Amino acid sequence: MILRPYLRPMLAALVTCAVLLPAAMAMAAPVILKADAIKAAADGHTLDLNGRAHATQGALLIRGDNMIVTLAPGAKPDQGRVESGGITGIEASGWVHVMIRDQVTADGQWVRYDPAAHSLTMGDSVTLWQDGATSKGSKLTLDTQTGKADLSGESGSTKGDALPPPWINERAK
């Protein structure tokens, strides 16, 4: 295909927008919280979720027996919904399950999710399932913006792409 000289800058700008826009949209997804019991801590900056706790942001689902959600200053949860930027961290413990797009799932004993840093870390006896393959390790680190994953354990580590980004703005099933 031959491009006329005046079309090249327009095409370059369009490609740049197509790459940057999904990453920016990924930050816009609200976080939906569910649990048997949700209680605001006295400090007003954390929520305690107990019993079948769920946190969903786009295509990311985090489940745990117990969950602590740290709110950004001024964040106002509305019936379990917190707008983008309203959560600075999520920590879940007990039996923890993470699912992305029904394609990647992982189980462990704890998880920490930092939406601003695009970082999800799971620990202690992590089992990761993807594309019919199972991997085990002691720690899983996932960059939710790039999809890069690192599963480490006693015998070494495995690095790779968990999923092509951006998936955080998609709906979890």
N, C-alpha and C. Protein backbone atom coordinates (compact mmCIF):
# COMPACT_ATOMS: atom_id res chain seq x y z
N MET A 1 0.84 -1.17 0.00
CA MET A 1 0.00 0.00 0.00
C MET A 1 0.88 1.24 0.00
N ILE A 2 0.60 2.16 -0.89
CA ILE A 2 1.37 3.40 -0.99
C ILE A 2 0.59 4.50 -0.29
N LEU A 3 1.26 5.16 0.63
CA LEU A 3 0.63 6.26 1.36
C LEU A 3 1.09 7.58 0.77
N ARG A 4 0.14 8.45 0.59
CA ARG A 4 0.51 9.79 0.16
C ARG A 4 1.23 10.48 1.31
N PRO A 5 2.20 11.34 1.03
CA PRO A 5 2.99 11.96 2.10
C PRO A 5 2.15 12.66 3.15
N TYR A 6 1.04 13.28 2.78
CA TYR A 6 0.24 14.00 3.77
C TYR A 6 -0.57 13.06 4.66
N LEU A 7 -0.71 11.79 4.27
CA LEU A 7 -1.45 10.83 5.09
C LEU A 7 -0.59 10.19 6.17
N ARG A 8 0.72 10.16 5.99
CA ARG A 8 1.59 9.51 6.96
C ARG A 8 1.47 10.11 8.37
N PRO A 9 1.55 11.45 8.54
CA PRO A 9 1.40 12.00 9.90
C PRO A 9 0.04 11.69 10.51
N MET A 10 -1.01 11.71 9.69
CA MET A 10 -2.35 11.41 10.21
C MET A 10 -2.43 9.96 10.66
N LEU A 11 -1.85 9.05 9.90
CA LEU A 11 -1.86 7.64 10.27
C LEU A 11 -1.05 7.41 11.54
N ALA A 12 0.10 8.07 11.66
CA ALA A 12 0.92 7.95 12.86
C ALA A 12 0.16 8.44 14.09
N ALA A 13 -0.55 9.55 13.96
CA ALA A 13 -1.33 10.08 15.08
C ALA A 13 -2.46 9.13 15.45
N LEU A 14 -3.10 8.53 14.45
CA LEU A 14 -4.18 7.59 14.71
C LEU A 14 -3.67 6.35 15.44
N VAL A 15 -2.52 5.82 15.02
CA VAL A 15 -1.95 4.65 15.67
C VAL A 15 -1.56 4.99 17.10
N THR A 16 -0.97 6.17 17.32
CA THR A 16 -0.61 6.59 18.68
C THR A 16 -1.84 6.67 19.56
N CYS A 17 -2.93 7.23 19.08
CA CYS A 17 -4.17 7.31 19.86
C CYS A 17 -4.71 5.92 20.15
N ALA A 18 -4.62 5.03 19.18
CA ALA A 18 -5.14 3.67 19.39
C ALA A 18 -4.36 2.94 20.46
N VAL A 19 -3.07 3.25 20.61
CA VAL A 19 -2.26 2.60 21.63
C VAL A 19 -2.48 3.25 22.99
N LEU A 20 -2.52 4.57 23.06
CA LEU A 20 -2.64 5.27 24.33
C LEU A 20 -4.05 5.26 24.90
N LEU A 21 -5.05 5.34 24.07
CA LEU A 21 -6.43 5.42 24.55
C LEU A 21 -6.84 4.21 25.37
N PRO A 22 -6.58 2.97 24.94
CA PRO A 22 -6.97 1.84 25.79
C PRO A 22 -6.31 1.86 27.16
N ALA A 23 -5.03 2.27 27.22
CA ALA A 23 -4.36 2.33 28.52
C ALA A 23 -5.02 3.38 29.41
N ALA A 24 -5.40 4.52 28.84
CA ALA A 24 -6.07 5.55 29.63
C ALA A 24 -7.46 5.08 30.05
N MET A 25 -8.16 4.37 29.16
CA MET A 25 -9.49 3.87 29.50
C MET A 25 -9.42 2.83 30.61
N ALA A 26 -8.31 2.11 30.67
CA ALA A 26 -8.18 1.07 31.69
C ALA A 26 -8.26 1.65 33.09
N MET A 27 -7.82 2.88 33.26
CA MET A 27 -7.84 3.51 34.56
C MET A 27 -9.25 3.97 34.93
N ALA A 28 -10.17 4.02 33.97
CA ALA A 28 -11.49 4.58 34.22
C ALA A 28 -12.49 3.59 34.82
N ALA A 29 -12.19 2.33 34.85
CA ALA A 29 -13.15 1.34 35.33
C ALA A 29 -13.36 1.46 36.84
N PRO A 30 -14.61 1.50 37.28
CA PRO A 30 -14.87 1.53 38.73
C PRO A 30 -14.58 0.17 39.36
N VAL A 31 -14.47 0.15 40.66
CA VAL A 31 -14.28 -1.09 41.41
C VAL A 31 -15.60 -1.40 42.09
N ILE A 32 -16.10 -2.62 41.91
CA ILE A 32 -17.35 -3.06 42.52
C ILE A 32 -16.98 -4.02 43.65
N LEU A 33 -17.50 -3.75 44.85
CA LEU A 33 -17.20 -4.55 46.04
C LEU A 33 -18.44 -5.29 46.50
N LYS A 34 -18.28 -6.57 46.86
CA LYS A 34 -19.38 -7.37 47.41
C LYS A 34 -18.82 -8.26 48.50
N ALA A 35 -19.63 -8.53 49.52
CA ALA A 35 -19.24 -9.45 50.60
C ALA A 35 -20.47 -9.73 51.44
N ASP A 36 -20.37 -10.76 52.29
CA ASP A 36 -21.45 -11.02 53.23
C ASP A 36 -21.61 -9.85 54.19
N ALA A 37 -20.48 -9.23 54.58
CA ALA A 37 -20.52 -8.07 55.47
C ALA A 37 -19.46 -7.07 55.05
N ILE A 38 -19.86 -5.81 54.87
CA ILE A 38 -18.93 -4.72 54.56
C ILE A 38 -19.06 -3.70 55.68
N LYS A 39 -17.93 -3.40 56.30
CA LYS A 39 -17.95 -2.47 57.43
C LYS A 39 -16.86 -1.42 57.22
N ALA A 40 -17.22 -0.15 57.39
CA ALA A 40 -16.24 0.93 57.31
C ALA A 40 -15.48 1.00 58.63
N ALA A 41 -14.16 1.11 58.55
CA ALA A 41 -13.34 1.23 59.75
C ALA A 41 -13.54 2.62 60.36
N ALA A 42 -13.19 2.75 61.62
CA ALA A 42 -13.37 4.02 62.33
C ALA A 42 -12.60 5.16 61.69
N ASP A 43 -11.45 4.85 61.07
CA ASP A 43 -10.66 5.91 60.45
C ASP A 43 -11.29 6.46 59.18
N GLY A 44 -12.27 5.76 58.61
CA GLY A 44 -12.94 6.22 57.41
C GLY A 44 -12.15 6.00 56.13
N HIS A 45 -10.96 5.42 56.24
CA HIS A 45 -10.12 5.22 55.07
C HIS A 45 -10.06 3.77 54.62
N THR A 46 -10.66 2.86 55.37
CA THR A 46 -10.63 1.46 54.97
C THR A 46 -12.01 0.83 55.12
N LEU A 47 -12.23 -0.18 54.29
CA LEU A 47 -13.43 -0.99 54.37
C LEU A 47 -13.00 -2.41 54.67
N ASP A 48 -13.68 -3.05 55.60
CA ASP A 48 -13.43 -4.46 55.91
C ASP A 48 -14.54 -5.28 55.28
N LEU A 49 -14.16 -6.21 54.40
CA LEU A 49 -15.11 -7.10 53.75
C LEU A 49 -14.88 -8.49 54.31
N ASN A 50 -15.92 -9.10 54.82
CA ASN A 50 -15.80 -10.43 55.42
C ASN A 50 -16.82 -11.38 54.81
N GLY A 51 -16.37 -12.60 54.53
CA GLY A 51 -17.25 -13.63 53.99
C GLY A 51 -17.52 -13.45 52.51
N ARG A 52 -16.98 -14.31 51.70
CA ARG A 52 -17.19 -14.28 50.25
C ARG A 52 -16.97 -12.89 49.66
N ALA A 53 -15.85 -12.29 49.98
CA ALA A 53 -15.53 -10.94 49.51
C ALA A 53 -15.12 -10.97 48.04
N HIS A 54 -15.64 -10.01 47.27
CA HIS A 54 -15.33 -9.88 45.85
C HIS A 54 -14.95 -8.43 45.57
N ALA A 55 -13.97 -8.23 44.72
CA ALA A 55 -13.66 -6.92 44.17
C ALA A 55 -13.49 -7.12 42.67
N THR A 56 -14.23 -6.35 41.88
CA THR A 56 -14.19 -6.48 40.43
C THR A 56 -13.83 -5.13 39.84
N GLN A 57 -12.85 -5.10 38.93
CA GLN A 57 -12.53 -3.91 38.16
C GLN A 57 -12.33 -4.36 36.72
N GLY A 58 -13.27 -3.99 35.86
CA GLY A 58 -13.21 -4.44 34.48
C GLY A 58 -13.26 -5.95 34.43
N ALA A 59 -12.29 -6.57 33.75
CA ALA A 59 -12.25 -8.03 33.61
C ALA A 59 -11.47 -8.70 34.73
N LEU A 60 -11.05 -7.93 35.73
CA LEU A 60 -10.31 -8.47 36.87
C LEU A 60 -11.26 -8.75 38.02
N LEU A 61 -11.21 -9.97 38.53
CA LEU A 61 -12.02 -10.37 39.69
C LEU A 61 -11.09 -10.90 40.76
N ILE A 62 -11.21 -10.34 41.97
CA ILE A 62 -10.45 -10.82 43.12
C ILE A 62 -11.45 -11.31 44.15
N ARG A 63 -11.28 -12.55 44.60
CA ARG A 63 -12.14 -13.12 45.65
C ARG A 63 -11.26 -13.51 46.83
N GLY A 64 -11.82 -13.40 48.02
CA GLY A 64 -11.09 -13.82 49.20
C GLY A 64 -12.04 -14.03 50.36
N ASP A 65 -11.58 -14.77 51.36
CA ASP A 65 -12.39 -14.95 52.56
C ASP A 65 -12.58 -13.61 53.26
N ASN A 66 -11.49 -12.83 53.33
CA ASN A 66 -11.51 -11.52 53.96
C ASN A 66 -10.76 -10.54 53.08
N MET A 67 -11.19 -9.27 53.10
CA MET A 67 -10.57 -8.28 52.25
C MET A 67 -10.54 -6.95 52.97
N ILE A 68 -9.44 -6.23 52.83
CA ILE A 68 -9.34 -4.87 53.34
C ILE A 68 -9.12 -3.97 52.13
N VAL A 69 -9.98 -2.97 51.99
CA VAL A 69 -9.91 -2.03 50.88
C VAL A 69 -9.52 -0.68 51.44
N THR A 70 -8.42 -0.12 50.95
CA THR A 70 -7.96 1.19 51.39
C THR A 70 -8.47 2.23 50.41
N LEU A 71 -9.18 3.22 50.94
CA LEU A 71 -9.80 4.25 50.11
C LEU A 71 -8.88 5.47 49.99
N ALA A 72 -8.95 6.12 48.85
CA ALA A 72 -8.23 7.38 48.64
C ALA A 72 -8.95 8.47 49.43
N PRO A 73 -8.24 9.52 49.84
CA PRO A 73 -8.90 10.62 50.54
C PRO A 73 -10.06 11.17 49.70
N GLY A 74 -11.19 11.33 50.33
CA GLY A 74 -12.37 11.87 49.66
C GLY A 74 -13.19 10.86 48.89
N ALA A 75 -12.77 9.61 48.84
CA ALA A 75 -13.52 8.59 48.10
C ALA A 75 -14.83 8.30 48.83
N LYS A 76 -15.88 8.16 48.07
CA LYS A 76 -17.21 7.91 48.63
C LYS A 76 -17.79 6.65 48.00
N PRO A 77 -17.65 5.51 48.67
CA PRO A 77 -18.27 4.30 48.13
C PRO A 77 -19.79 4.45 48.09
N ASP A 78 -20.38 4.01 47.00
CA ASP A 78 -21.83 4.10 46.84
C ASP A 78 -22.37 2.70 46.58
N GLN A 79 -22.94 2.08 47.59
CA GLN A 79 -23.51 0.74 47.51
C GLN A 79 -22.53 -0.25 46.89
N GLY A 80 -21.30 -0.22 47.38
CA GLY A 80 -20.29 -1.17 46.92
C GLY A 80 -19.56 -0.76 45.67
N ARG A 81 -19.85 0.39 45.12
CA ARG A 81 -19.18 0.87 43.91
C ARG A 81 -18.26 2.03 44.28
N VAL A 82 -17.00 1.93 43.86
CA VAL A 82 -16.03 2.99 44.10
C VAL A 82 -15.47 3.40 42.75
N GLU A 83 -15.55 4.69 42.45
CA GLU A 83 -15.08 5.17 41.15
C GLU A 83 -13.57 5.01 41.02
N SER A 84 -13.11 5.03 39.78
CA SER A 84 -11.69 4.91 39.49
C SER A 84 -10.91 5.95 40.28
N GLY A 85 -9.80 5.54 40.84
CA GLY A 85 -8.98 6.44 41.64
C GLY A 85 -9.41 6.52 43.09
N GLY A 86 -10.54 5.93 43.42
CA GLY A 86 -11.05 5.97 44.79
C GLY A 86 -10.47 4.91 45.70
N ILE A 87 -9.75 3.97 45.13
CA ILE A 87 -9.14 2.89 45.92
C ILE A 87 -7.63 2.93 45.71
N THR A 88 -6.90 2.93 46.82
CA THR A 88 -5.43 2.92 46.72
C THR A 88 -4.86 1.52 46.91
N GLY A 89 -5.65 0.60 47.44
CA GLY A 89 -5.15 -0.76 47.60
C GLY A 89 -6.22 -1.73 48.05
N ILE A 90 -6.03 -2.98 47.66
CA ILE A 90 -6.91 -4.08 48.09
C ILE A 90 -6.01 -5.20 48.57
N GLU A 91 -6.28 -5.71 49.76
CA GLU A 91 -5.57 -6.87 50.29
C GLU A 91 -6.60 -7.92 50.67
N ALA A 92 -6.41 -9.12 50.17
CA ALA A 92 -7.32 -10.22 50.49
C ALA A 92 -6.50 -11.36 51.10
N SER A 93 -7.14 -12.10 52.00
CA SER A 93 -6.45 -13.22 52.65
C SER A 93 -7.41 -14.38 52.83
N GLY A 94 -6.85 -15.47 53.34
CA GLY A 94 -7.61 -16.71 53.43
C GLY A 94 -7.46 -17.41 52.09
N TRP A 95 -8.47 -18.07 51.64
CA TRP A 95 -8.44 -18.63 50.29
C TRP A 95 -8.67 -17.47 49.33
N VAL A 96 -7.75 -17.26 48.39
CA VAL A 96 -7.83 -16.13 47.47
C VAL A 96 -7.85 -16.67 46.04
N HIS A 97 -8.71 -16.09 45.22
CA HIS A 97 -8.85 -16.49 43.82
C HIS A 97 -8.85 -15.23 42.97
N VAL A 98 -8.06 -15.22 41.90
CA VAL A 98 -8.02 -14.11 40.96
C VAL A 98 -8.37 -14.66 39.59
N MET A 99 -9.21 -13.92 38.86
CA MET A 99 -9.59 -14.35 37.51
C MET A 99 -9.55 -13.15 36.59
N ILE A 100 -9.02 -13.37 35.38
CA ILE A 100 -8.96 -12.34 34.37
C ILE A 100 -9.58 -12.90 33.10
N ARG A 101 -10.68 -12.29 32.66
CA ARG A 101 -11.35 -12.67 31.41
C ARG A 101 -11.71 -14.13 31.30
N ASP A 102 -11.90 -14.84 32.36
CA ASP A 102 -12.17 -16.27 32.31
C ASP A 102 -11.06 -17.04 31.61
N GLN A 103 -9.92 -16.41 31.35
CA GLN A 103 -8.82 -17.06 30.64
C GLN A 103 -7.65 -17.38 31.55
N VAL A 104 -7.43 -16.55 32.54
CA VAL A 104 -6.33 -16.73 33.48
C VAL A 104 -6.92 -16.75 34.88
N THR A 105 -6.60 -17.78 35.64
CA THR A 105 -7.04 -17.84 37.03
C THR A 105 -5.86 -18.24 37.90
N ALA A 106 -5.91 -17.78 39.14
CA ALA A 106 -4.84 -18.10 40.09
C ALA A 106 -5.44 -18.21 41.48
N ASP A 107 -4.92 -19.15 42.26
CA ASP A 107 -5.32 -19.32 43.66
C ASP A 107 -4.09 -19.16 44.53
N GLY A 108 -4.29 -18.62 45.72
CA GLY A 108 -3.21 -18.47 46.68
C GLY A 108 -3.78 -18.17 48.06
N GLN A 109 -2.91 -17.79 48.99
CA GLN A 109 -3.35 -17.49 50.35
C GLN A 109 -3.56 -16.00 50.58
N TRP A 110 -2.94 -15.15 49.77
CA TRP A 110 -3.13 -13.71 49.91
C TRP A 110 -2.89 -13.02 48.57
N VAL A 111 -3.43 -11.83 48.45
CA VAL A 111 -3.21 -11.01 47.25
C VAL A 111 -3.18 -9.55 47.68
N ARG A 112 -2.34 -8.78 47.00
CA ARG A 112 -2.31 -7.32 47.15
C ARG A 112 -2.47 -6.73 45.76
N TYR A 113 -3.40 -5.79 45.64
CA TYR A 113 -3.65 -5.13 44.36
C TYR A 113 -3.52 -3.63 44.56
N ASP A 114 -2.67 -3.00 43.77
CA ASP A 114 -2.47 -1.55 43.80
C ASP A 114 -2.90 -1.01 42.44
N PRO A 115 -4.12 -0.47 42.33
CA PRO A 115 -4.61 -0.02 41.03
C PRO A 115 -3.75 1.08 40.41
N ALA A 116 -3.25 2.02 41.21
CA ALA A 116 -2.45 3.12 40.68
C ALA A 116 -1.12 2.64 40.10
N ALA A 117 -0.52 1.65 40.73
CA ALA A 117 0.76 1.10 40.26
C ALA A 117 0.58 -0.02 39.25
N HIS A 118 -0.67 -0.38 38.96
CA HIS A 118 -0.98 -1.47 38.02
C HIS A 118 -0.31 -2.77 38.46
N SER A 119 -0.33 -3.03 39.76
CA SER A 119 0.41 -4.16 40.31
C SER A 119 -0.50 -5.08 41.11
N LEU A 120 -0.41 -6.37 40.81
CA LEU A 120 -1.11 -7.39 41.57
C LEU A 120 -0.08 -8.43 41.98
N THR A 121 -0.01 -8.72 43.28
CA THR A 121 0.94 -9.70 43.81
C THR A 121 0.19 -10.72 44.64
N MET A 122 0.43 -12.01 44.37
CA MET A 122 -0.17 -13.10 45.13
C MET A 122 0.94 -13.91 45.77
N GLY A 123 0.60 -14.50 46.93
CA GLY A 123 1.63 -15.27 47.58
C GLY A 123 1.18 -16.55 48.22
N ASP A 124 2.20 -17.32 48.54
CA ASP A 124 2.12 -18.58 49.27
C ASP A 124 1.35 -19.63 48.48
N SER A 125 2.06 -20.55 47.93
CA SER A 125 1.48 -21.68 47.20
C SER A 125 0.50 -21.23 46.12
N VAL A 126 1.00 -20.46 45.18
CA VAL A 126 0.17 -19.95 44.09
C VAL A 126 0.06 -21.01 43.00
N THR A 127 -1.16 -21.22 42.53
CA THR A 127 -1.41 -22.08 41.37
C THR A 127 -2.02 -21.20 40.29
N LEU A 128 -1.43 -21.22 39.11
CA LEU A 128 -1.85 -20.38 37.99
C LEU A 128 -2.30 -21.28 36.85
N TRP A 129 -3.49 -21.00 36.30
CA TRP A 129 -4.02 -21.74 35.16
C TRP A 129 -4.18 -20.78 34.00
N GLN A 130 -3.66 -21.17 32.83
CA GLN A 130 -3.83 -20.36 31.62
C GLN A 130 -3.72 -21.27 30.41
N ASP A 131 -4.67 -21.15 29.50
CA ASP A 131 -4.66 -21.92 28.25
C ASP A 131 -4.46 -23.41 28.48
N GLY A 132 -5.09 -23.96 29.50
CA GLY A 132 -5.01 -25.38 29.77
C GLY A 132 -3.74 -25.82 30.49
N ALA A 133 -2.83 -24.89 30.73
CA ALA A 133 -1.59 -25.22 31.44
C ALA A 133 -1.69 -24.79 32.90
N THR A 134 -1.02 -25.53 33.77
CA THR A 134 -0.99 -25.21 35.20
C THR A 134 0.45 -24.98 35.62
N SER A 135 0.67 -23.89 36.36
CA SER A 135 1.99 -23.59 36.91
C SER A 135 1.84 -23.33 38.40
N LYS A 136 2.86 -23.70 39.16
CA LYS A 136 2.82 -23.49 40.61
C LYS A 136 4.07 -22.73 41.03
N GLY A 137 3.91 -21.92 42.08
CA GLY A 137 5.02 -21.16 42.61
C GLY A 137 4.65 -20.58 43.96
N SER A 138 5.57 -19.82 44.52
CA SER A 138 5.30 -19.22 45.83
C SER A 138 4.87 -17.77 45.72
N LYS A 139 5.12 -17.12 44.57
CA LYS A 139 4.75 -15.71 44.42
C LYS A 139 4.45 -15.40 42.96
N LEU A 140 3.35 -14.72 42.73
CA LEU A 140 2.96 -14.28 41.39
C LEU A 140 2.90 -12.76 41.41
N THR A 141 3.60 -12.14 40.47
CA THR A 141 3.54 -10.69 40.30
C THR A 141 3.02 -10.42 38.90
N LEU A 142 2.01 -9.56 38.80
CA LEU A 142 1.37 -9.27 37.52
C LEU A 142 1.26 -7.77 37.35
N ASP A 143 1.71 -7.27 36.20
CA ASP A 143 1.51 -5.87 35.83
C ASP A 143 0.18 -5.82 35.08
N THR A 144 -0.82 -5.21 35.68
CA THR A 144 -2.16 -5.22 35.09
C THR A 144 -2.27 -4.31 33.87
N GLN A 145 -1.27 -3.47 33.64
CA GLN A 145 -1.30 -2.60 32.47
C GLN A 145 -0.67 -3.28 31.26
N THR A 146 0.44 -3.98 31.47
CA THR A 146 1.13 -4.61 30.35
C THR A 146 0.78 -6.08 30.18
N GLY A 147 0.27 -6.71 31.24
CA GLY A 147 -0.03 -8.14 31.20
C GLY A 147 1.18 -9.01 31.50
N LYS A 148 2.32 -8.42 31.80
CA LYS A 148 3.53 -9.19 32.12
C LYS A 148 3.38 -9.85 33.48
N ALA A 149 3.77 -11.12 33.55
CA ALA A 149 3.63 -11.89 34.79
C ALA A 149 4.96 -12.54 35.15
N ASP A 150 5.17 -12.72 36.44
CA ASP A 150 6.36 -13.40 36.96
C ASP A 150 5.89 -14.33 38.07
N LEU A 151 6.05 -15.63 37.86
CA LEU A 151 5.69 -16.64 38.86
C LEU A 151 6.99 -17.24 39.36
N SER A 152 7.28 -17.05 40.64
CA SER A 152 8.53 -17.55 41.19
C SER A 152 8.27 -18.60 42.26
N GLY A 153 9.28 -19.43 42.48
CA GLY A 153 9.17 -20.49 43.48
C GLY A 153 10.54 -20.98 43.87
N GLU A 154 10.58 -22.10 44.56
CA GLU A 154 11.85 -22.63 45.04
C GLU A 154 12.80 -23.00 43.90
N SER A 155 12.26 -23.47 42.79
CA SER A 155 13.12 -23.96 41.72
C SER A 155 13.38 -22.92 40.64
N GLY A 156 13.04 -21.66 40.87
CA GLY A 156 13.28 -20.62 39.88
C GLY A 156 12.02 -19.83 39.62
N SER A 157 11.99 -19.19 38.46
CA SER A 157 10.83 -18.38 38.14
C SER A 157 10.50 -18.50 36.67
N THR A 158 9.26 -18.14 36.35
CA THR A 158 8.77 -18.14 34.99
C THR A 158 8.25 -16.76 34.70
N LYS A 159 8.65 -16.18 33.57
CA LYS A 159 8.17 -14.87 33.18
C LYS A 159 7.44 -15.01 31.87
N GLY A 160 6.45 -14.15 31.66
CA GLY A 160 5.74 -14.19 30.41
C GLY A 160 4.56 -13.26 30.42
N ASP A 161 3.82 -13.28 29.34
CA ASP A 161 2.63 -12.46 29.23
C ASP A 161 1.44 -13.25 29.72
N ALA A 162 0.73 -12.71 30.71
CA ALA A 162 -0.47 -13.36 31.19
C ALA A 162 -1.59 -13.13 30.19
N LEU A 163 -1.76 -11.90 29.76
CA LEU A 163 -2.78 -11.55 28.78
C LEU A 163 -2.34 -10.29 28.06
N PRO A 164 -2.74 -10.12 26.81
CA PRO A 164 -2.43 -8.85 26.17
C PRO A 164 -3.26 -7.74 26.81
N PRO A 165 -2.66 -6.59 27.10
CA PRO A 165 -3.41 -5.50 27.70
C PRO A 165 -4.22 -4.81 26.63
N PRO A 166 -5.13 -3.95 26.91
CA PRO A 166 -5.68 -3.68 28.24
C PRO A 166 -6.92 -4.52 28.46
N TRP A 167 -7.08 -5.07 29.61
CA TRP A 167 -8.24 -5.89 29.94
C TRP A 167 -8.93 -5.39 31.18
N ILE A 168 -8.38 -4.41 31.84
CA ILE A 168 -8.95 -3.95 33.11
C ILE A 168 -10.28 -3.23 32.88
N ASN A 169 -10.50 -2.70 31.67
CA ASN A 169 -11.72 -1.96 31.40
C ASN A 169 -12.83 -2.86 30.86
N GLU A 170 -12.51 -4.13 30.60
CA GLU A 170 -13.53 -5.06 30.14
C GLU A 170 -14.37 -5.52 31.31
N ARG A 171 -15.51 -6.08 31.03
CA ARG A 171 -16.39 -6.54 32.09
C ARG A 171 -16.03 -7.96 32.49
N ALA A 172 -15.98 -8.18 33.78
CA ALA A 172 -15.76 -9.54 34.29
C ALA A 172 -17.03 -10.33 34.08
N LYS A 173 -16.86 -11.62 33.85
CA LYS A 173 -18.05 -12.46 33.63
C LYS A 173 -18.41 -13.17 34.89
